[in-house]
Amino acid sequence: MASKSSHFLQPMVIKLESISTLTEEERQAVETLPVRAQAFRADHDIVRDGETATQCCLILEGWACRYKIMGEGKRQIFSFHIGGDIPDLQSLHIPRMDHSLATMTDATVAFIPHEAMRDLTYRFPRLAAVLWRDTLVDAGIFRQWMACMGQRSAYEHLAHLFCELYLKQEAVGLAGEHRCSLPMTQADLGDATGVSSVHINRTLQEMRGNGLITLRSNTLVILAWDKLVRAAEFDETYLHLRKQSAG
């Protein structure tokens, strides 16, 4: 069902304002985009590899991931996404998908027609620049993931991922006091970091034993932020958040 409710688009406004500033006119333009909201169960493809997209997917609630199925059915997760993210924003200019986008939890997604997004960027060039900034931040996250995959141990890699996911959620009001949602399984974490779920389990136990984190009931509690940052050699600059926090 189509809607112009500002309530639907509020997560997108909050996300964009976490990396840039919007005028009141720009906020209203985003909030009145035509959208079709749809609820999905967990582990459901929203857009599949090879499809041609005609709309962008805005995550309203829940978690999603980008992934690709490799030889022998192995899955590589490229990124995790939370409320306010538009994981397939690039489809506005490159509509043929070269990966899939799926829910990780029960989720609500808003579909925004490409023509409406193009009209928005034509009418508000500053908003076009903010959306471009969002894709550049996304590219920065990809580079950090590549560096972790190639040069960091599983322990350092997980520490880096936990710092990143906490800060992303904190920036849009979904986390605080070093506590955040972390609904993925050990298999999901393995598919994202390129190691086995057995290795993930051992690494999590080591992190708990060192007093860095607890992870229960899909909730990550960071017990020693500074130690986690040091273990990961984490520098949050690549997230380009307006509010540098969590320290």
C-alpha atoms as a PDB file:
ATOM      1  CA  MET A   1       0.000   0.000   0.000  1.00  0.00           C
ATOM      2  CA  ALA A   2       1.337   3.421  -0.980  1.00  0.00           C
ATOM      3  CA  SER A   3       1.783   6.020   1.711  1.00  0.00           C
ATOM      4  CA  LYS A   4       3.080   9.550   2.102  1.00  0.00           C
ATOM      5  CA  SER A   5       3.257   9.330   5.874  1.00  0.00           C
ATOM      6  CA  SER A   6       6.295  11.080   7.338  1.00  0.00           C
ATOM      7  CA  HIS A   7       6.354   8.297   9.932  1.00  0.00           C
ATOM      8  CA  PHE A   8       7.339   5.771   7.246  1.00  0.00           C
ATOM      9  CA  LEU A   9      10.288   7.793   5.962  1.00  0.00           C
ATOM     10  CA  GLN A  10      11.576   8.956   9.355  1.00  0.00           C
ATOM     11  CA  PRO A  11      14.268   6.237   9.512  1.00  0.00           C
ATOM     12  CA  MET A  12      15.675   7.491   6.190  1.00  0.00           C
ATOM     13  CA  VAL A  13      15.752  11.078   7.465  1.00  0.00           C
ATOM     14  CA  ILE A  14      17.510  10.022  10.664  1.00  0.00           C
ATOM     15  CA  LYS A  15      20.076   7.996   8.709  1.00  0.00           C
ATOM     16  CA  LEU A  16      20.850  10.822   6.270  1.00  0.00           C
ATOM     17  CA  GLU A  17      21.146  13.311   9.128  1.00  0.00           C
ATOM     18  CA  SER A  18      23.659  11.028  10.837  1.00  0.00           C
ATOM     19  CA  ILE A  19      26.107  11.728   7.997  1.00  0.00           C
ATOM     20  CA  SER A  20      25.046  15.209   6.810  1.00  0.00           C
ATOM     21  CA  THR A  21      22.657  18.091   7.467  1.00  0.00           C
ATOM     22  CA  LEU A  22      19.223  18.544   5.898  1.00  0.00           C
ATOM     23  CA  THR A  23      17.130  21.665   5.631  1.00  0.00           C
ATOM     24  CA  GLU A  24      13.499  21.550   6.722  1.00  0.00           C
ATOM     25  CA  GLU A  25      12.434  21.640   3.053  1.00  0.00           C
ATOM     26  CA  GLU A  26      14.716  18.701   2.249  1.00  0.00           C
ATOM     27  CA  ARG A  27      13.381  16.749   5.235  1.00  0.00           C
ATOM     28  CA  GLN A  28       9.815  17.282   4.058  1.00  0.00           C
ATOM     29  CA  ALA A  29      10.738  16.236   0.513  1.00  0.00           C
ATOM     30  CA  VAL A  30      12.152  12.940   1.803  1.00  0.00           C
ATOM     31  CA  GLU A  31       9.214  12.366   4.144  1.00  0.00           C
ATOM     32  CA  THR A  32       6.685  12.749   1.335  1.00  0.00           C
ATOM     33  CA  LEU A  33       8.275  10.283  -1.067  1.00  0.00           C
ATOM     34  CA  PRO A  34       5.740   7.716  -2.317  1.00  0.00           C
ATOM     35  CA  VAL A  35       6.458   4.359  -0.704  1.00  0.00           C
ATOM     36  CA  ARG A  36       5.006   0.871  -0.530  1.00  0.00           C
ATOM     37  CA  ALA A  37       5.729  -0.810   2.786  1.00  0.00           C
ATOM     38  CA  GLN A  38       5.954  -4.589   3.045  1.00  0.00           C
ATOM     39  CA  ALA A  39       6.671  -6.943   5.943  1.00  0.00           C
ATOM     40  CA  PHE A  40       9.038  -9.871   5.423  1.00  0.00           C
ATOM     41  CA  ARG A  41       9.877 -12.890   7.520  1.00  0.00           C
ATOM     42  CA  ALA A  42      13.502 -13.605   8.377  1.00  0.00           C
ATOM     43  CA  ASP A  43      15.759 -15.190   5.730  1.00  0.00           C
ATOM     44  CA  HIS A  44      13.694 -13.916   2.813  1.00  0.00           C
ATOM     45  CA  ASP A  45      15.179 -12.451  -0.381  1.00  0.00           C
ATOM     46  CA  ILE A  46      14.074  -8.872  -1.010  1.00  0.00           C
ATOM     47  CA  VAL A  47      15.976  -8.537  -4.299  1.00  0.00           C
ATOM     48  CA  ARG A  48      17.851 -11.366  -6.017  1.00  0.00           C
ATOM     49  CA  ASP A  49      21.145 -11.515  -7.858  1.00  0.00           C
ATOM     50  CA  GLY A  50      20.566 -10.910 -11.587  1.00  0.00           C
ATOM     51  CA  GLU A  51      17.218  -9.126 -11.221  1.00  0.00           C
ATOM     52  CA  THR A  52      16.642  -5.676 -12.683  1.00  0.00           C
ATOM     53  CA  ALA A  53      15.525  -3.269  -9.968  1.00  0.00           C
ATOM     54  CA  THR A  54      12.919  -0.556 -10.566  1.00  0.00           C
ATOM     55  CA  GLN A  55      12.788   0.657  -6.973  1.00  0.00           C
ATOM     56  CA  CYS A  56      15.063   1.214  -3.991  1.00  0.00           C
ATOM     57  CA  CYS A  57      14.607  -0.705  -0.745  1.00  0.00           C
ATOM     58  CA  LEU A  58      14.618   1.272   2.495  1.00  0.00           C
ATOM     59  CA  ILE A  59      14.925  -0.830   5.656  1.00  0.00           C
ATOM     60  CA  LEU A  60      12.366   0.500   8.141  1.00  0.00           C
ATOM     61  CA  GLU A  61      12.677  -2.110  10.882  1.00  0.00           C
ATOM     62  CA  GLY A  62      14.787  -5.228  11.356  1.00  0.00           C
ATOM     63  CA  TRP A  63      18.058  -6.335   9.782  1.00  0.00           C
ATOM     64  CA  ALA A  64      19.105  -7.230   6.248  1.00  0.00           C
ATOM     65  CA  CYS A  65      22.316  -8.261   4.509  1.00  0.00           C
ATOM     66  CA  ARG A  66      23.865  -8.169   1.079  1.00  0.00           C
ATOM     67  CA  TYR A  67      25.189 -11.548  -0.010  1.00  0.00           C
ATOM     68  CA  LYS A  68      26.244 -13.712  -2.926  1.00  0.00           C
ATOM     69  CA  ILE A  69      26.123 -17.487  -3.305  1.00  0.00           C
ATOM     70  CA  MET A  70      29.489 -18.844  -4.426  1.00  0.00           C
ATOM     71  CA  GLY A  71      30.521 -22.254  -5.747  1.00  0.00           C
ATOM     72  CA  GLU A  72      29.233 -25.295  -3.846  1.00  0.00           C
ATOM     73  CA  GLY A  73      26.513 -23.155  -2.297  1.00  0.00           C
ATOM     74  CA  LYS A  74      28.817 -21.161  -0.036  1.00  0.00           C
ATOM     75  CA  ARG A  75      27.528 -17.745   0.974  1.00  0.00           C
ATOM     76  CA  GLN A  76      29.561 -14.562   1.306  1.00  0.00           C
ATOM     77  CA  ILE A  77      27.901 -11.729   3.237  1.00  0.00           C
ATOM     78  CA  PHE A  78      29.118  -8.304   2.096  1.00  0.00           C
ATOM     79  CA  SER A  79      27.354  -6.037   4.590  1.00  0.00           C
ATOM     80  CA  PHE A  80      24.755  -5.823   7.357  1.00  0.00           C
ATOM     81  CA  HIS A  81      21.945  -3.254   7.266  1.00  0.00           C
ATOM     82  CA  ILE A  82      19.652  -1.677   9.851  1.00  0.00           C
ATOM     83  CA  GLY A  83      16.683   0.678   9.894  1.00  0.00           C
ATOM     84  CA  GLY A  84      17.285   3.761   7.733  1.00  0.00           C
ATOM     85  CA  ASP A  85      19.702   2.039   5.340  1.00  0.00           C
ATOM     86  CA  ILE A  86      19.041   1.875   1.586  1.00  0.00           C
ATOM     87  CA  PRO A  87      21.215  -1.140   0.700  1.00  0.00           C
ATOM     88  CA  ASP A  88      20.469  -1.054  -3.032  1.00  0.00           C
ATOM     89  CA  LEU A  89      20.753   2.691  -3.590  1.00  0.00           C
ATOM     90  CA  GLN A  90      23.236   1.975  -6.391  1.00  0.00           C
ATOM     91  CA  SER A  91      20.377   0.354  -8.365  1.00  0.00           C
ATOM     92  CA  LEU A  92      19.178   3.876  -9.136  1.00  0.00           C
ATOM     93  CA  HIS A  93      22.024   4.051 -11.684  1.00  0.00           C
ATOM     94  CA  ILE A  94      23.035   0.376 -12.042  1.00  0.00           C
ATOM     95  CA  PRO A  95      19.685  -1.437 -11.984  1.00  0.00           C
ATOM     96  CA  ARG A  96      20.909  -4.983 -12.700  1.00  0.00           C
ATOM     97  CA  MET A  97      21.702  -6.574  -9.331  1.00  0.00           C
ATOM     98  CA  ASP A  98      25.080  -8.331  -8.992  1.00  0.00           C
ATOM     99  CA  HIS A  99      24.244  -9.669  -5.522  1.00  0.00           C
ATOM    100  CA  SER A 100      21.174 -10.466  -3.435  1.00  0.00           C
ATOM    101  CA  LEU A 101      19.592  -8.552  -0.566  1.00  0.00           C
ATOM    102  CA  ALA A 102      17.848 -10.577   2.144  1.00  0.00           C
ATOM    103  CA  THR A 103      16.295 -10.113   5.571  1.00  0.00           C
ATOM    104  CA  MET A 104      18.144 -11.527   8.562  1.00  0.00           C
ATOM    105  CA  THR A 105      15.258 -10.969  10.962  1.00  0.00           C
ATOM    106  CA  ASP A 106      11.584 -10.235  10.541  1.00  0.00           C
ATOM    107  CA  ALA A 107      11.714  -6.853   8.832  1.00  0.00           C
ATOM    108  CA  THR A 108       9.642  -4.086   7.295  1.00  0.00           C
ATOM    109  CA  VAL A 109      10.877  -2.616   4.018  1.00  0.00           C
ATOM    110  CA  ALA A 110       9.696   0.468   2.136  1.00  0.00           C
ATOM    111  CA  PHE A 111       9.984   0.352  -1.645  1.00  0.00           C
ATOM    112  CA  ILE A 112      10.641   3.734  -3.281  1.00  0.00           C
ATOM    113  CA  PRO A 113      10.217   3.901  -7.097  1.00  0.00           C
ATOM    114  CA  HIS A 114      13.354   4.905  -8.970  1.00  0.00           C
ATOM    115  CA  GLU A 115      11.455   7.628 -10.791  1.00  0.00           C
ATOM    116  CA  ALA A 116      10.494   9.218  -7.452  1.00  0.00           C
ATOM    117  CA  MET A 117      14.111   9.069  -6.238  1.00  0.00           C
ATOM    118  CA  ARG A 118      15.350  10.613  -9.495  1.00  0.00           C
ATOM    119  CA  ASP A 119      12.768  13.382  -9.251  1.00  0.00           C
ATOM    120  CA  LEU A 120      13.888  14.050  -5.664  1.00  0.00           C
ATOM    121  CA  THR A 121      17.525  14.407  -6.703  1.00  0.00           C
ATOM    122  CA  TYR A 122      16.640  16.679  -9.644  1.00  0.00           C
ATOM    123  CA  ARG A 123      14.569  18.988  -7.436  1.00  0.00           C
ATOM    124  CA  PHE A 124      17.013  18.974  -4.526  1.00  0.00           C
ATOM    125  CA  PRO A 125      20.654  18.801  -5.714  1.00  0.00           C
ATOM    126  CA  ARG A 126      21.897  18.953  -2.108  1.00  0.00           C
ATOM    127  CA  LEU A 127      19.917  15.803  -1.339  1.00  0.00           C
ATOM    128  CA  ALA A 128      21.521  14.159  -4.350  1.00  0.00           C
ATOM    129  CA  ALA A 129      24.893  15.033  -2.804  1.00  0.00           C
ATOM    130  CA  VAL A 130      23.842  13.562   0.561  1.00  0.00           C
ATOM    131  CA  LEU A 131      22.745  10.323  -1.116  1.00  0.00           C
ATOM    132  CA  TRP A 132      26.044  10.268  -2.993  1.00  0.00           C
ATOM    133  CA  ARG A 133      27.826  10.772   0.336  1.00  0.00           C
ATOM    134  CA  ASP A 134      25.902   7.778   1.692  1.00  0.00           C
ATOM    135  CA  THR A 135      27.175   5.574  -1.140  1.00  0.00           C
ATOM    136  CA  LEU A 136      30.729   6.830  -0.515  1.00  0.00           C
ATOM    137  CA  VAL A 137      30.454   5.943   3.183  1.00  0.00           C
ATOM    138  CA  ASP A 138      29.168   2.545   2.079  1.00  0.00           C
ATOM    139  CA  ALA A 139      32.254   2.149  -0.113  1.00  0.00           C
ATOM    140  CA  GLY A 140      34.459   3.086   2.850  1.00  0.00           C
ATOM    141  CA  ILE A 141      32.826   0.331   4.904  1.00  0.00           C
ATOM    142  CA  PHE A 142      33.491  -2.153   2.095  1.00  0.00           C
ATOM    143  CA  ARG A 143      37.186  -1.180   2.124  1.00  0.00           C
ATOM    144  CA  GLN A 144      37.394  -1.755   5.864  1.00  0.00           C
ATOM    145  CA  TRP A 145      35.733  -5.165   5.477  1.00  0.00           C
ATOM    146  CA  MET A 146      38.293  -6.062   2.782  1.00  0.00           C
ATOM    147  CA  ALA A 147      41.171  -4.975   5.026  1.00  0.00           C
ATOM    148  CA  CYS A 148      39.767  -7.079   7.862  1.00  0.00           C
ATOM    149  CA  MET A 149      39.326 -10.124   5.616  1.00  0.00           C
ATOM    150  CA  GLY A 150      42.858  -9.871   4.283  1.00  0.00           C
ATOM    151  CA  GLN A 151      44.972  -8.654   7.170  1.00  0.00           C
ATOM    152  CA  ARG A 152      43.241  -9.168  10.523  1.00  0.00           C
ATOM    153  CA  SER A 153      42.829 -12.248  12.670  1.00  0.00           C
ATOM    154  CA  ALA A 154      39.318 -13.510  13.415  1.00  0.00           C
ATOM    155  CA  TYR A 155      39.593 -11.921  16.885  1.00  0.00           C
ATOM    156  CA  GLU A 156      40.574  -8.520  15.467  1.00  0.00           C
ATOM    157  CA  HIS A 157      38.003  -8.819  12.684  1.00  0.00           C
ATOM    158  CA  LEU A 158      35.096  -9.548  15.034  1.00  0.00           C
ATOM    159  CA  ALA A 159      36.191  -6.758  17.363  1.00  0.00           C
ATOM    160  CA  HIS A 160      36.211  -4.360  14.398  1.00  0.00           C
ATOM    161  CA  LEU A 161      32.786  -5.520  13.225  1.00  0.00           C
ATOM    162  CA  PHE A 162      31.283  -5.106  16.704  1.00  0.00           C
ATOM    163  CA  CYS A 163      32.647  -1.555  17.000  1.00  0.00           C
ATOM    164  CA  GLU A 164      31.220  -0.686  13.576  1.00  0.00           C
ATOM    165  CA  LEU A 165      27.775  -2.167  14.175  1.00  0.00           C
ATOM    166  CA  TYR A 166      27.469  -0.513  17.573  1.00  0.00           C
ATOM    167  CA  LEU A 167      28.374   2.942  16.238  1.00  0.00           C
ATOM    168  CA  LYS A 168      26.046   2.620  13.240  1.00  0.00           C
ATOM    169  CA  GLN A 169      23.137   1.801  15.538  1.00  0.00           C
ATOM    170  CA  GLU A 170      24.050   4.460  18.080  1.00  0.00           C
ATOM    171  CA  ALA A 171      24.144   7.121  15.337  1.00  0.00           C
ATOM    172  CA  VAL A 172      20.485   6.526  14.440  1.00  0.00           C
ATOM    173  CA  GLY A 173      19.187   6.093  17.982  1.00  0.00           C
ATOM    174  CA  LEU A 174      18.986   2.282  17.988  1.00  0.00           C
ATOM    175  CA  ALA A 175      21.712   1.710  20.595  1.00  0.00           C
ATOM    176  CA  GLY A 176      23.297   3.320  23.619  1.00  0.00           C
ATOM    177  CA  GLU A 177      25.413   2.726  26.708  1.00  0.00           C
ATOM    178  CA  HIS A 178      27.523   0.239  24.740  1.00  0.00           C
ATOM    179  CA  ARG A 179      24.578  -2.101  24.296  1.00  0.00           C
ATOM    180  CA  CYS A 180      23.038  -2.922  20.890  1.00  0.00           C
ATOM    181  CA  SER A 181      21.100  -5.475  18.906  1.00  0.00           C
ATOM    182  CA  LEU A 182      23.127  -8.226  17.232  1.00  0.00           C
ATOM    183  CA  PRO A 183      20.635 -10.743  15.822  1.00  0.00           C
ATOM    184  CA  MET A 184      22.903 -12.702  13.499  1.00  0.00           C
ATOM    185  CA  THR A 185      23.901 -16.311  14.115  1.00  0.00           C
ATOM    186  CA  GLN A 186      27.461 -17.581  14.417  1.00  0.00           C
ATOM    187  CA  ALA A 187      27.045 -18.967  10.888  1.00  0.00           C
ATOM    188  CA  ASP A 188      26.108 -15.454   9.683  1.00  0.00           C
ATOM    189  CA  LEU A 189      29.190 -14.004  11.369  1.00  0.00           C
ATOM    190  CA  GLY A 190      31.269 -16.723   9.718  1.00  0.00           C
ATOM    191  CA  ASP A 191      29.818 -15.918   6.285  1.00  0.00           C
ATOM    192  CA  ALA A 192      30.653 -12.244   6.855  1.00  0.00           C
ATOM    193  CA  THR A 193      34.208 -12.771   8.085  1.00  0.00           C
ATOM    194  CA  GLY A 194      35.216 -15.744   5.958  1.00  0.00           C
ATOM    195  CA  VAL A 195      35.893 -18.174   8.803  1.00  0.00           C
ATOM    196  CA  SER A 196      34.020 -21.228  10.079  1.00  0.00           C
ATOM    197  CA  SER A 197      31.260 -20.995  12.663  1.00  0.00           C
ATOM    198  CA  VAL A 198      33.415 -23.204  14.917  1.00  0.00           C
ATOM    199  CA  HIS A 199      36.187 -20.589  14.748  1.00  0.00           C
ATOM    200  CA  ILE A 200      33.626 -17.839  15.419  1.00  0.00           C
ATOM    201  CA  ASN A 201      32.456 -19.710  18.516  1.00  0.00           C
ATOM    202  CA  ARG A 202      36.014 -20.042  19.854  1.00  0.00           C
ATOM    203  CA  THR A 203      36.725 -16.371  19.134  1.00  0.00           C
ATOM    204  CA  LEU A 204      33.572 -15.207  20.917  1.00  0.00           C
ATOM    205  CA  GLN A 205      34.508 -17.322  23.935  1.00  0.00           C
ATOM    206  CA  GLU A 206      37.961 -15.724  23.945  1.00  0.00           C
ATOM    207  CA  MET A 207      36.465 -12.227  23.771  1.00  0.00           C
ATOM    208  CA  ARG A 208      34.126 -13.044  26.655  1.00  0.00           C
ATOM    209  CA  GLY A 209      37.008 -14.518  28.640  1.00  0.00           C
ATOM    210  CA  ASN A 210      39.005 -11.322  28.139  1.00  0.00           C
ATOM    211  CA  GLY A 211      36.116  -9.269  29.493  1.00  0.00           C
ATOM    212  CA  LEU A 212      35.426  -7.400  26.245  1.00  0.00           C
ATOM    213  CA  ILE A 213      31.823  -8.392  25.505  1.00  0.00           C
ATOM    214  CA  THR A 214      28.806 -10.461  26.381  1.00  0.00           C
ATOM    215  CA  LEU A 215      26.448 -11.725  23.687  1.00  0.00           C
ATOM    216  CA  ARG A 216      23.105 -13.115  24.823  1.00  0.00           C
ATOM    217  CA  SER A 217      19.598 -13.163  23.389  1.00  0.00           C
ATOM    218  CA  ASN A 218      20.679 -11.242  20.257  1.00  0.00           C
ATOM    219  CA  THR A 219      22.079  -8.411  22.383  1.00  0.00           C
ATOM    220  CA  LEU A 220      25.726  -7.344  22.322  1.00  0.00           C
ATOM    221  CA  VAL A 221      27.030  -5.649  25.464  1.00  0.00           C
ATOM    222  CA  ILE A 222      30.477  -4.089  25.111  1.00  0.00           C
ATOM    223  CA  LEU A 223      32.040  -4.265  28.560  1.00  0.00           C
ATOM    224  CA  ALA A 224      35.330  -2.568  27.695  1.00  0.00           C
ATOM    225  CA  TRP A 225      34.960  -0.186  24.749  1.00  0.00           C
ATOM    226  CA  ASP A 226      38.539   1.105  24.817  1.00  0.00           C
ATOM    227  CA  LYS A 227      39.965  -2.426  24.928  1.00  0.00           C
ATOM    228  CA  LEU A 228      37.708  -3.512  22.054  1.00  0.00           C
ATOM    229  CA  VAL A 229      38.852  -0.516  19.993  1.00  0.00           C
ATOM    230  CA  ARG A 230      42.491  -1.344  20.670  1.00  0.00           C
ATOM    231  CA  ALA A 231      42.007  -5.011  19.821  1.00  0.00           C
ATOM    232  CA  ALA A 232      40.430  -4.016  16.485  1.00  0.00           C
ATOM    233  CA  GLU A 233      42.770  -1.085  15.750  1.00  0.00           C
ATOM    234  CA  PHE A 234      39.446   0.623  15.113  1.00  0.00           C
ATOM    235  CA  ASP A 235      39.292   4.171  13.746  1.00  0.00           C
ATOM    236  CA  GLU A 236      35.720   5.317  13.244  1.00  0.00           C
ATOM    237  CA  THR A 237      36.684   8.044  10.739  1.00  0.00           C
ATOM    238  CA  TYR A 238      35.604   5.867   7.794  1.00  0.00           C
ATOM    239  CA  LEU A 239      31.972   5.964   9.014  1.00  0.00           C
ATOM    240  CA  HIS A 240      31.954   9.780   8.637  1.00  0.00           C
ATOM    241  CA  LEU A 241      29.310  10.217  11.329  1.00  0.00           C
ATOM    242  CA  ARG A 242      28.370  13.767  12.261  1.00  0.00           C
ATOM    243  CA  LYS A 243      28.434  12.861  15.949  1.00  0.00           C
ATOM    244  CA  GLN A 244      31.634  11.090  16.956  1.00  0.00           C
ATOM    245  CA  SER A 245      30.722   9.155  20.058  1.00  0.00           C
ATOM    246  CA  ALA A 246      30.859   5.974  22.132  1.00  0.00           C
ATOM    247  CA  GLY A 247      34.261   6.702  23.580  1.00  0.00           C
END
